[in-house]
Amino acid sequence: MSKRCPDCGFMNEDSRIYCSSCGELLDPELRLIQSLERQKSAPSKAQPARQEAAPEPPASRKTGGEEEYVHQRMAREQKSSPVPWIILGLIAAAAVIALIVLS
């Protein structure tokens, strides 16, 4: 069984994640997740619009290197700030100290 691209109609192998012809996602669940991420990152009307560069489509999509794309995306996501983890650690330490003092 092969996968038909919802955008261009090209028949792809079952193992493909992206269309060999146009580079679009083939899995409907991944397409839904991607559209939800776009909606979440879109500026709301209540907040002033921020000037953000649109994410460039990975070059590996056209060549069939889905694994490389996943690694690039994971590398971008791992560059988040350590501040939330520091705050969480301080809260946990305060909770442990409070339990010890109140016992």
PDB file of N, CA and C in Angstrom:
ATOM      1  N   MET A   1       0.850  -1.175   0.000  1.00  0.00           N
ATOM      2  CA  MET A   1       0.000   0.000   0.000  1.00  0.00           C
ATOM      3  C   MET A   1       0.894   1.236   0.000  1.00  0.00           C
ATOM      4  N   SER A   2       0.537   2.229  -0.744  1.00  0.00           N
ATOM      5  CA  SER A   2       1.340   3.432  -0.802  1.00  0.00           C
ATOM      6  C   SER A   2       0.523   4.622  -0.309  1.00  0.00           C
ATOM      7  N   LYS A   3       1.239   5.697  -0.002  1.00  0.00           N
ATOM      8  CA  LYS A   3       0.591   6.898   0.519  1.00  0.00           C
ATOM      9  C   LYS A   3       0.431   7.919  -0.602  1.00  0.00           C
ATOM     10  N   ARG A   4      -0.750   8.470  -0.713  1.00  0.00           N
ATOM     11  CA  ARG A   4      -1.000   9.524  -1.701  1.00  0.00           C
ATOM     12  C   ARG A   4      -0.860  10.872  -0.993  1.00  0.00           C
ATOM     13  N   CYS A   5      -0.112  11.771  -1.616  1.00  0.00           N
ATOM     14  CA  CYS A   5       0.089  13.109  -1.054  1.00  0.00           C
ATOM     15  C   CYS A   5      -1.225  13.884  -1.123  1.00  0.00           C
ATOM     16  N   PRO A   6      -1.654  14.494  -0.008  1.00  0.00           N
ATOM     17  CA  PRO A   6      -2.901  15.257  -0.020  1.00  0.00           C
ATOM     18  C   PRO A   6      -2.789  16.563  -0.802  1.00  0.00           C
ATOM     19  N   ASP A   7      -1.561  17.034  -1.048  1.00  0.00           N
ATOM     20  CA  ASP A   7      -1.391  18.291  -1.770  1.00  0.00           C
ATOM     21  C   ASP A   7      -1.246  18.106  -3.275  1.00  0.00           C
ATOM     22  N   CYS A   8      -0.338  17.214  -3.687  1.00  0.00           N
ATOM     23  CA  CYS A   8      -0.081  17.083  -5.119  1.00  0.00           C
ATOM     24  C   CYS A   8      -0.611  15.779  -5.711  1.00  0.00           C
ATOM     25  N   GLY A   9      -1.025  14.807  -4.868  1.00  0.00           N
ATOM     26  CA  GLY A   9      -1.572  13.558  -5.357  1.00  0.00           C
ATOM     27  C   GLY A   9      -0.539  12.518  -5.749  1.00  0.00           C
ATOM     28  N   PHE A  10       0.740  12.782  -5.547  1.00  0.00           N
ATOM     29  CA  PHE A  10       1.797  11.846  -5.914  1.00  0.00           C
ATOM     30  C   PHE A  10       1.743  10.610  -5.015  1.00  0.00           C
ATOM     31  N   MET A  11       1.942   9.438  -5.601  1.00  0.00           N
ATOM     32  CA  MET A  11       1.954   8.189  -4.839  1.00  0.00           C
ATOM     33  C   MET A  11       3.351   7.959  -4.276  1.00  0.00           C
ATOM     34  N   ASN A  12       3.461   7.828  -2.961  1.00  0.00           N
ATOM     35  CA  ASN A  12       4.728   7.649  -2.271  1.00  0.00           C
ATOM     36  C   ASN A  12       4.789   6.271  -1.628  1.00  0.00           C
ATOM     37  N   GLU A  13       6.003   5.850  -1.271  1.00  0.00           N
ATOM     38  CA  GLU A  13       6.188   4.587  -0.550  1.00  0.00           C
ATOM     39  C   GLU A  13       5.560   4.707   0.833  1.00  0.00           C
ATOM     40  N   ASP A  14       5.223   3.573   1.429  1.00  0.00           N
ATOM     41  CA  ASP A  14       4.631   3.559   2.764  1.00  0.00           C
ATOM     42  C   ASP A  14       5.575   4.129   3.817  1.00  0.00           C
ATOM     43  N   SER A  15       6.857   3.948   3.628  1.00  0.00           N
ATOM     44  CA  SER A  15       7.827   4.364   4.644  1.00  0.00           C
ATOM     45  C   SER A  15       8.114   5.864   4.617  1.00  0.00           C
ATOM     46  N   ARG A  16       7.608   6.579   3.628  1.00  0.00           N
ATOM     47  CA  ARG A  16       7.893   8.012   3.497  1.00  0.00           C
ATOM     48  C   ARG A  16       7.113   8.830   4.513  1.00  0.00           C
ATOM     49  N   ILE A  17       7.763   9.854   5.035  1.00  0.00           N
ATOM     50  CA  ILE A  17       7.115  10.811   5.929  1.00  0.00           C
ATOM     51  C   ILE A  17       6.723  12.055   5.140  1.00  0.00           C
ATOM     52  N   TYR A  18       7.589  12.425   4.194  1.00  0.00           N
ATOM     53  CA  TYR A  18       7.355  13.578   3.340  1.00  0.00           C
ATOM     54  C   TYR A  18       7.155  13.123   1.903  1.00  0.00           C
ATOM     55  N   CYS A  19       6.398  13.871   1.142  1.00  0.00           N
ATOM     56  CA  CYS A  19       6.142  13.557  -0.259  1.00  0.00           C
ATOM     57  C   CYS A  19       7.430  13.683  -1.061  1.00  0.00           C
ATOM     58  N   SER A  20       7.696  12.717  -1.918  1.00  0.00           N
ATOM     59  CA  SER A  20       8.884  12.751  -2.771  1.00  0.00           C
ATOM     60  C   SER A  20       8.790  13.840  -3.820  1.00  0.00           C
ATOM     61  N   SER A  21       7.586  14.244  -4.158  1.00  0.00           N
ATOM     62  CA  SER A  21       7.390  15.225  -5.214  1.00  0.00           C
ATOM     63  C   SER A  21       7.407  16.662  -4.691  1.00  0.00           C
ATOM     64  N   CYS A  22       6.560  16.952  -3.682  1.00  0.00           N
ATOM     65  CA  CYS A  22       6.423  18.352  -3.231  1.00  0.00           C
ATOM     66  C   CYS A  22       6.999  18.613  -1.844  1.00  0.00           C
ATOM     67  N   GLY A  23       7.311  17.561  -1.069  1.00  0.00           N
ATOM     68  CA  GLY A  23       7.930  17.749   0.242  1.00  0.00           C
ATOM     69  C   GLY A  23       6.958  17.955   1.385  1.00  0.00           C
ATOM     70  N   GLU A  24       5.653  17.835   1.152  1.00  0.00           N
ATOM     71  CA  GLU A  24       4.668  18.015   2.218  1.00  0.00           C
ATOM     72  C   GLU A  24       4.578  16.770   3.095  1.00  0.00           C
ATOM     73  N   LEU A  25       4.134  16.962   4.343  1.00  0.00           N
ATOM     74  CA  LEU A  25       3.934  15.840   5.255  1.00  0.00           C
ATOM     75  C   LEU A  25       2.839  14.930   4.726  1.00  0.00           C
ATOM     76  N   LEU A  26       3.035  13.617   4.868  1.00  0.00           N
ATOM     77  CA  LEU A  26       2.046  12.655   4.393  1.00  0.00           C
ATOM     78  C   LEU A  26       1.139  12.159   5.506  1.00  0.00           C
ATOM     79  N   ASP A  27       1.651  12.080   6.730  1.00  0.00           N
ATOM     80  CA  ASP A  27       0.884  11.558   7.849  1.00  0.00           C
ATOM     81  C   ASP A  27      -0.133  12.601   8.319  1.00  0.00           C
ATOM     82  N   PRO A  28      -1.421  12.274   8.327  1.00  0.00           N
ATOM     83  CA  PRO A  28      -2.422  13.272   8.727  1.00  0.00           C
ATOM     84  C   PRO A  28      -2.262  13.734  10.171  1.00  0.00           C
ATOM     85  N   GLU A  29      -1.794  12.850  11.058  1.00  0.00           N
ATOM     86  CA  GLU A  29      -1.599  13.256  12.453  1.00  0.00           C
ATOM     87  C   GLU A  29      -0.459  14.261  12.564  1.00  0.00           C
ATOM     88  N   LEU A  30       0.637  14.031  11.830  1.00  0.00           N
ATOM     89  CA  LEU A  30       1.750  14.975  11.854  1.00  0.00           C
ATOM     90  C   LEU A  30       1.348  16.303  11.215  1.00  0.00           C
ATOM     91  N   ARG A  31       0.500  16.247  10.183  1.00  0.00           N
ATOM     92  CA  ARG A  31       0.017  17.481   9.559  1.00  0.00           C
ATOM     93  C   ARG A  31      -0.817  18.289  10.550  1.00  0.00           C
ATOM     94  N   LEU A  32      -1.631  17.594  11.352  1.00  0.00           N
ATOM     95  CA  LEU A  32      -2.447  18.265  12.365  1.00  0.00           C
ATOM     96  C   LEU A  32      -1.558  18.910  13.420  1.00  0.00           C
ATOM     97  N   ILE A  33      -0.548  18.175  13.883  1.00  0.00           N
ATOM     98  CA  ILE A  33       0.378  18.723  14.891  1.00  0.00           C
ATOM     99  C   ILE A  33       1.094  19.942  14.331  1.00  0.00           C
ATOM    100  N   GLN A  34       1.542  19.853  13.086  1.00  0.00           N
ATOM    101  CA  GLN A  34       2.241  20.966  12.472  1.00  0.00           C
ATOM    102  C   GLN A  34       1.335  22.188  12.349  1.00  0.00           C
ATOM    103  N   SER A  35       0.077  21.997  11.981  1.00  0.00           N
ATOM    104  CA  SER A  35      -0.827  23.136  11.861  1.00  0.00           C
ATOM    105  C   SER A  35      -1.139  23.744  13.228  1.00  0.00           C
ATOM    106  N   LEU A  36      -1.237  22.899  14.268  1.00  0.00           N
ATOM    107  CA  LEU A  36      -1.462  23.420  15.617  1.00  0.00           C
ATOM    108  C   LEU A  36      -0.262  24.219  16.104  1.00  0.00           C
ATOM    109  N   GLU A  37       0.954  23.764  15.772  1.00  0.00           N
ATOM    110  CA  GLU A  37       2.155  24.514  16.151  1.00  0.00           C
ATOM    111  C   GLU A  37       2.191  25.859  15.447  1.00  0.00           C
ATOM    112  N   ARG A  38       1.770  25.886  14.189  1.00  0.00           N
ATOM    113  CA  ARG A  38       1.733  27.158  13.465  1.00  0.00           C
ATOM    114  C   ARG A  38       0.735  28.111  14.104  1.00  0.00           C
ATOM    115  N   GLN A  39      -0.429  27.586  14.501  1.00  0.00           N
ATOM    116  CA  GLN A  39      -1.440  28.424  15.129  1.00  0.00           C
ATOM    117  C   GLN A  39      -0.968  28.942  16.472  1.00  0.00           C
ATOM    118  N   LYS A  40      -0.272  28.087  17.221  1.00  0.00           N
ATOM    119  CA  LYS A  40       0.209  28.488  18.544  1.00  0.00           C
ATOM    120  C   LYS A  40       1.285  29.559  18.426  1.00  0.00           C
ATOM    121  N   SER A  41       2.117  29.475  17.401  1.00  0.00           N
ATOM    122  CA  SER A  41       3.196  30.441  17.258  1.00  0.00           C
ATOM    123  C   SER A  41       2.743  31.716  16.549  1.00  0.00           C
ATOM    124  N   ALA A  42       1.543  31.711  15.969  1.00  0.00           N
ATOM    125  CA  ALA A  42       1.032  32.905  15.307  1.00  0.00           C
ATOM    126  C   ALA A  42       0.676  33.953  16.363  1.00  0.00           C
ATOM    127  N   PRO A  43       1.000  35.221  16.126  1.00  0.00           N
ATOM    128  CA  PRO A  43       0.691  36.256  17.126  1.00  0.00           C
ATOM    129  C   PRO A  43      -0.809  36.463  17.244  1.00  0.00           C
ATOM    130  N   SER A  44      -1.265  36.647  18.481  1.00  0.00           N
ATOM    131  CA  SER A  44      -2.688  36.897  18.703  1.00  0.00           C
ATOM    132  C   SER A  44      -2.977  38.375  18.506  1.00  0.00           C
ATOM    133  N   LYS A  45      -4.274  38.723  18.396  1.00  0.00           N
ATOM    134  CA  LYS A  45      -4.654  40.112  18.172  1.00  0.00           C
ATOM    135  C   LYS A  45      -4.427  40.961  19.413  1.00  0.00           C
ATOM    136  N   ALA A  46      -4.441  40.342  20.606  1.00  0.00           N
ATOM    137  CA  ALA A  46      -4.277  41.097  21.847  1.00  0.00           C
ATOM    138  C   ALA A  46      -2.835  41.541  22.045  1.00  0.00           C
ATOM    139  N   GLN A  47      -1.895  40.778  21.504  1.00  0.00           N
ATOM    140  CA  GLN A  47      -0.487  41.099  21.673  1.00  0.00           C
ATOM    141  C   GLN A  47       0.023  41.761  20.402  1.00  0.00           C
ATOM    142  N   PRO A  48       0.966  42.704  20.541  1.00  0.00           N
ATOM    143  CA  PRO A  48       1.543  43.290  19.329  1.00  0.00           C
ATOM    144  C   PRO A  48       2.332  42.224  18.566  1.00  0.00           C
ATOM    145  N   ALA A  49       2.273  42.322  17.276  1.00  0.00           N
ATOM    146  CA  ALA A  49       2.945  41.325  16.435  1.00  0.00           C
ATOM    147  C   ALA A  49       4.454  41.457  16.586  1.00  0.00           C
ATOM    148  N   ARG A  50       5.096  40.315  16.779  1.00  0.00           N
ATOM    149  CA  ARG A  50       6.549  40.304  16.880  1.00  0.00           C
ATOM    150  C   ARG A  50       7.123  40.000  15.504  1.00  0.00           C
ATOM    151  N   GLN A  51       8.250  40.557  15.225  1.00  0.00           N
ATOM    152  CA  GLN A  51       8.918  40.292  13.962  1.00  0.00           C
ATOM    153  C   GLN A  51       9.770  39.044  14.125  1.00  0.00           C
ATOM    154  N   GLU A  52       9.265  37.942  13.637  1.00  0.00           N
ATOM    155  CA  GLU A  52       9.994  36.689  13.691  1.00  0.00           C
ATOM    156  C   GLU A  52      10.225  36.202  12.287  1.00  0.00           C
ATOM    157  N   ALA A  53      11.385  35.645  12.082  1.00  0.00           N
ATOM    158  CA  ALA A  53      11.679  35.072  10.776  1.00  0.00           C
ATOM    159  C   ALA A  53      10.898  33.782  10.629  1.00  0.00           C
ATOM    160  N   ALA A  54      10.303  33.600   9.487  1.00  0.00           N
ATOM    161  CA  ALA A  54       9.566  32.365   9.234  1.00  0.00           C
ATOM    162  C   ALA A  54      10.554  31.213   9.171  1.00  0.00           C
ATOM    163  N   PRO A  55      10.208  30.068   9.760  1.00  0.00           N
ATOM    164  CA  PRO A  55      11.131  28.943   9.728  1.00  0.00           C
ATOM    165  C   PRO A  55      11.343  28.473   8.294  1.00  0.00           C
ATOM    166  N   GLU A  56      12.596  28.272   7.966  1.00  0.00           N
ATOM    167  CA  GLU A  56      12.912  27.818   6.620  1.00  0.00           C
ATOM    168  C   GLU A  56      12.597  26.339   6.500  1.00  0.00           C
ATOM    169  N   PRO A  57      12.012  25.927   5.401  1.00  0.00           N
ATOM    170  CA  PRO A  57      11.780  24.498   5.233  1.00  0.00           C
ATOM    171  C   PRO A  57      13.123  23.788   5.106  1.00  0.00           C
ATOM    172  N   PRO A  58      13.241  22.646   5.728  1.00  0.00           N
ATOM    173  CA  PRO A  58      14.527  21.963   5.683  1.00  0.00           C
ATOM    174  C   PRO A  58      14.872  21.513   4.276  1.00  0.00           C
ATOM    175  N   ALA A  59      16.135  21.658   3.922  1.00  0.00           N
ATOM    176  CA  ALA A  59      16.588  21.249   2.601  1.00  0.00           C
ATOM    177  C   ALA A  59      16.497  19.744   2.439  1.00  0.00           C
ATOM    178  N   SER A  60      16.569  19.013   3.540  1.00  0.00           N
ATOM    179  CA  SER A  60      16.563  17.556   3.473  1.00  0.00           C
ATOM    180  C   SER A  60      15.201  16.999   3.087  1.00  0.00           C
ATOM    181  N   ARG A  61      14.135  17.808   3.150  1.00  0.00           N
ATOM    182  CA  ARG A  61      12.814  17.301   2.787  1.00  0.00           C
ATOM    183  C   ARG A  61      12.766  16.877   1.326  1.00  0.00           C
ATOM    184  N   LYS A  62      13.421  17.616   0.470  1.00  0.00           N
ATOM    185  CA  LYS A  62      13.401  17.298  -0.950  1.00  0.00           C
ATOM    186  C   LYS A  62      14.281  16.089  -1.263  1.00  0.00           C
ATOM    187  N   THR A  63      15.312  15.867  -0.459  1.00  0.00           N
ATOM    188  CA  THR A  63      16.234  14.773  -0.735  1.00  0.00           C
ATOM    189  C   THR A  63      15.858  13.495  -0.021  1.00  0.00           C
ATOM    190  N   GLY A  64      14.865  13.548   0.862  1.00  0.00           N
ATOM    191  CA  GLY A  64      14.418  12.335   1.534  1.00  0.00           C
ATOM    192  C   GLY A  64      15.133  12.072   2.838  1.00  0.00           C
ATOM    193  N   GLY A  65      15.842  13.038   3.415  1.00  0.00           N
ATOM    194  CA  GLY A  65      16.554  12.839   4.666  1.00  0.00           C
ATOM    195  C   GLY A  65      15.712  13.240   5.861  1.00  0.00           C
ATOM    196  N   GLU A  66      14.647  12.490   6.147  1.00  0.00           N
ATOM    197  CA  GLU A  66      13.763  12.834   7.258  1.00  0.00           C
ATOM    198  C   GLU A  66      14.504  12.786   8.583  1.00  0.00           C
ATOM    199  N   GLU A  67      15.426  11.837   8.725  1.00  0.00           N
ATOM    200  CA  GLU A  67      16.165  11.712   9.982  1.00  0.00           C
ATOM    201  C   GLU A  67      16.982  12.966  10.254  1.00  0.00           C
ATOM    202  N   GLU A  68      17.599  13.519   9.209  1.00  0.00           N
ATOM    203  CA  GLU A  68      18.393  14.736   9.379  1.00  0.00           C
ATOM    204  C   GLU A  68      17.501  15.896   9.820  1.00  0.00           C
ATOM    205  N   TYR A  69      16.308  16.000   9.240  1.00  0.00           N
ATOM    206  CA  TYR A  69      15.373  17.048   9.611  1.00  0.00           C
ATOM    207  C   TYR A  69      14.979  16.921  11.079  1.00  0.00           C
ATOM    208  N   VAL A  70      14.710  15.701  11.531  1.00  0.00           N
ATOM    209  CA  VAL A  70      14.327  15.478  12.923  1.00  0.00           C
ATOM    210  C   VAL A  70      15.459  15.892  13.848  1.00  0.00           C
ATOM    211  N   HIS A  71      16.695  15.546  13.495  1.00  0.00           N
ATOM    212  CA  HIS A  71      17.845  15.924  14.326  1.00  0.00           C
ATOM    213  C   HIS A  71      18.032  17.437  14.361  1.00  0.00           C
ATOM    214  N   GLN A  72      17.838  18.104  13.224  1.00  0.00           N
ATOM    215  CA  GLN A  72      17.957  19.564  13.206  1.00  0.00           C
ATOM    216  C   GLN A  72      16.888  20.199  14.087  1.00  0.00           C
ATOM    217  N   ARG A  73      15.670  19.679  14.014  1.00  0.00           N
ATOM    218  CA  ARG A  73      14.583  20.238  14.813  1.00  0.00           C
ATOM    219  C   ARG A  73      14.832  20.018  16.297  1.00  0.00           C
ATOM    220  N   MET A  74      15.321  18.823  16.663  1.00  0.00           N
ATOM    221  CA  MET A  74      15.602  18.549  18.067  1.00  0.00           C
ATOM    222  C   MET A  74      16.720  19.455  18.573  1.00  0.00           C
ATOM    223  N   ALA A  75      17.719  19.729  17.744  1.00  0.00           N
ATOM    224  CA  ALA A  75      18.807  20.612  18.149  1.00  0.00           C
ATOM    225  C   ALA A  75      18.283  22.021  18.403  1.00  0.00           C
ATOM    226  N   ARG A  76      17.339  22.490  17.580  1.00  0.00           N
ATOM    227  CA  ARG A  76      16.757  23.817  17.796  1.00  0.00           C
ATOM    228  C   ARG A  76      15.944  23.854  19.078  1.00  0.00           C
ATOM    229  N   GLU A  77      15.212  22.795  19.373  1.00  0.00           N
ATOM    230  CA  GLU A  77      14.364  22.770  20.560  1.00  0.00           C
ATOM    231  C   GLU A  77      15.185  22.651  21.837  1.00  0.00           C
ATOM    232  N   GLN A  78      16.384  22.086  21.774  1.00  0.00           N
ATOM    233  CA  GLN A  78      17.198  21.908  22.961  1.00  0.00           C
ATOM    234  C   GLN A  78      17.887  23.191  23.384  1.00  0.00           C
ATOM    235  N   LYS A  79      17.801  24.250  22.612  1.00  0.00           N
ATOM    236  CA  LYS A  79      18.448  25.503  22.949  1.00  0.00           C
ATOM    237  C   LYS A  79      17.572  26.387  23.826  1.00  0.00           C
ATOM    238  N   SER A  80      16.676  25.791  24.589  1.00  0.00           N
ATOM    239  CA  SER A  80      15.791  26.569  25.434  1.00  0.00           C
ATOM    240  C   SER A  80      16.539  27.055  26.677  1.00  0.00           C
ATOM    241  N   SER A  81      15.955  27.984  27.356  1.00  0.00           N
ATOM    242  CA  SER A  81      16.566  28.607  28.518  1.00  0.00           C
ATOM    243  C   SER A  81      16.532  27.673  29.733  1.00  0.00           C
ATOM    244  N   PRO A  82      17.591  27.703  30.570  1.00  0.00           N
ATOM    245  CA  PRO A  82      17.602  26.875  31.772  1.00  0.00           C
ATOM    246  C   PRO A  82      16.835  27.509  32.939  1.00  0.00           C
ATOM    247  N   VAL A  83      16.332  28.728  32.768  1.00  0.00           N
ATOM    248  CA  VAL A  83      15.674  29.444  33.862  1.00  0.00           C
ATOM    249  C   VAL A  83      14.492  28.673  34.452  1.00  0.00           C
ATOM    250  N   PRO A  84      13.590  28.091  33.652  1.00  0.00           N
ATOM    251  CA  PRO A  84      12.479  27.348  34.265  1.00  0.00           C
ATOM    252  C   PRO A  84      12.948  26.184  35.119  1.00  0.00           C
ATOM    253  N   TRP A  85      14.009  25.523  34.713  1.00  0.00           N
ATOM    254  CA  TRP A  85      14.522  24.399  35.503  1.00  0.00           C
ATOM    255  C   TRP A  85      15.148  24.879  36.816  1.00  0.00           C
ATOM    256  N   ILE A  86      15.794  26.026  36.774  1.00  0.00           N
ATOM    257  CA  ILE A  86      16.380  26.586  37.995  1.00  0.00           C
ATOM    258  C   ILE A  86      15.272  26.952  38.978  1.00  0.00           C
ATOM    259  N   ILE A  87      14.223  27.592  38.474  1.00  0.00           N
ATOM    260  CA  ILE A  87      13.096  27.972  39.330  1.00  0.00           C
ATOM    261  C   ILE A  87      12.430  26.732  39.914  1.00  0.00           C
ATOM    262  N   LEU A  88      12.230  25.706  39.090  1.00  0.00           N
ATOM    263  CA  LEU A  88      11.634  24.463  39.571  1.00  0.00           C
ATOM    264  C   LEU A  88      12.513  23.825  40.653  1.00  0.00           C
ATOM    265  N   GLY A  89      13.816  23.857  40.470  1.00  0.00           N
ATOM    266  CA  GLY A  89      14.730  23.310  41.472  1.00  0.00           C
ATOM    267  C   GLY A  89      14.651  24.074  42.782  1.00  0.00           C
ATOM    268  N   LEU A  90      14.568  25.394  42.719  1.00  0.00           N
ATOM    269  CA  LEU A  90      14.459  26.203  43.928  1.00  0.00           C
ATOM    270  C   LEU A  90      13.149  25.927  44.661  1.00  0.00           C
ATOM    271  N   ILE A  91      12.068  25.764  43.919  1.00  0.00           N
ATOM    272  CA  ILE A  91      10.782  25.449  44.543  1.00  0.00           C
ATOM    273  C   ILE A  91      10.829  24.083  45.211  1.00  0.00           C
ATOM    274  N   ALA A  92      11.436  23.110  44.551  1.00  0.00           N
ATOM    275  CA  ALA A  92      11.548  21.767  45.133  1.00  0.00           C
ATOM    276  C   ALA A  92      12.408  21.802  46.392  1.00  0.00           C
ATOM    277  N   ALA A  93      13.513  22.545  46.347  1.00  0.00           N
ATOM    278  CA  ALA A  93      14.377  22.649  47.521  1.00  0.00           C
ATOM    279  C   ALA A  93      13.636  23.324  48.679  1.00  0.00           C
ATOM    280  N   ALA A  94      12.862  24.365  48.381  1.00  0.00           N
ATOM    281  CA  ALA A  94      12.094  25.041  49.426  1.00  0.00           C
ATOM    282  C   ALA A  94      11.055  24.106  50.022  1.00  0.00           C
ATOM    283  N   ALA A  95      10.437  23.273  49.203  1.00  0.00           N
ATOM    284  CA  ALA A  95       9.441  22.326  49.705  1.00  0.00           C
ATOM    285  C   ALA A  95      10.083  21.293  50.613  1.00  0.00           C
ATOM    286  N   VAL A  96      11.260  20.806  50.250  1.00  0.00           N
ATOM    287  CA  VAL A  96      11.958  19.819  51.084  1.00  0.00           C
ATOM    288  C   VAL A  96      12.360  20.445  52.412  1.00  0.00           C
ATOM    289  N   ILE A  97      12.879  21.640  52.375  1.00  0.00           N
ATOM    290  CA  ILE A  97      13.283  22.337  53.602  1.00  0.00           C
ATOM    291  C   ILE A  97      12.061  22.590  54.476  1.00  0.00           C
ATOM    292  N   ALA A  98      10.945  22.985  53.876  1.00  0.00           N
ATOM    293  CA  ALA A  98       9.738  23.230  54.656  1.00  0.00           C
ATOM    294  C   ALA A  98       9.253  21.944  55.304  1.00  0.00           C
ATOM    295  N   LEU A  99       9.324  20.823  54.625  1.00  0.00           N
ATOM    296  CA  LEU A  99       8.903  19.547  55.204  1.00  0.00           C
ATOM    297  C   LEU A  99       9.795  19.151  56.372  1.00  0.00           C
ATOM    298  N   ILE A 100      11.082  19.410  56.234  1.00  0.00           N
ATOM    299  CA  ILE A 100      12.023  19.060  57.311  1.00  0.00           C
ATOM    300  C   ILE A 100      11.788  19.945  58.516  1.00  0.00           C
ATOM    301  N   VAL A 101      11.606  21.240  58.309  1.00  0.00           N
ATOM    302  CA  VAL A 101      11.421  22.179  59.421  1.00  0.00           C
ATOM    303  C   VAL A 101      10.092  21.932  60.132  1.00  0.00           C
ATOM    304  N   LEU A 102       9.035  21.640  59.389  1.00  0.00           N
ATOM    305  CA  LEU A 102       7.708  21.461  59.981  1.00  0.00           C
ATOM    306  C   LEU A 102       7.519  20.081  60.621  1.00  0.00           C
ATOM    307  N   SER A 103       8.428  19.168  60.373  1.00  0.00           N
ATOM    308  CA  SER A 103       8.273  17.806  60.967  1.00  0.00           C
ATOM    309  C   SER A 103       8.646  17.755  62.409  1.00  0.00           C
TER     310      SER A 103
END
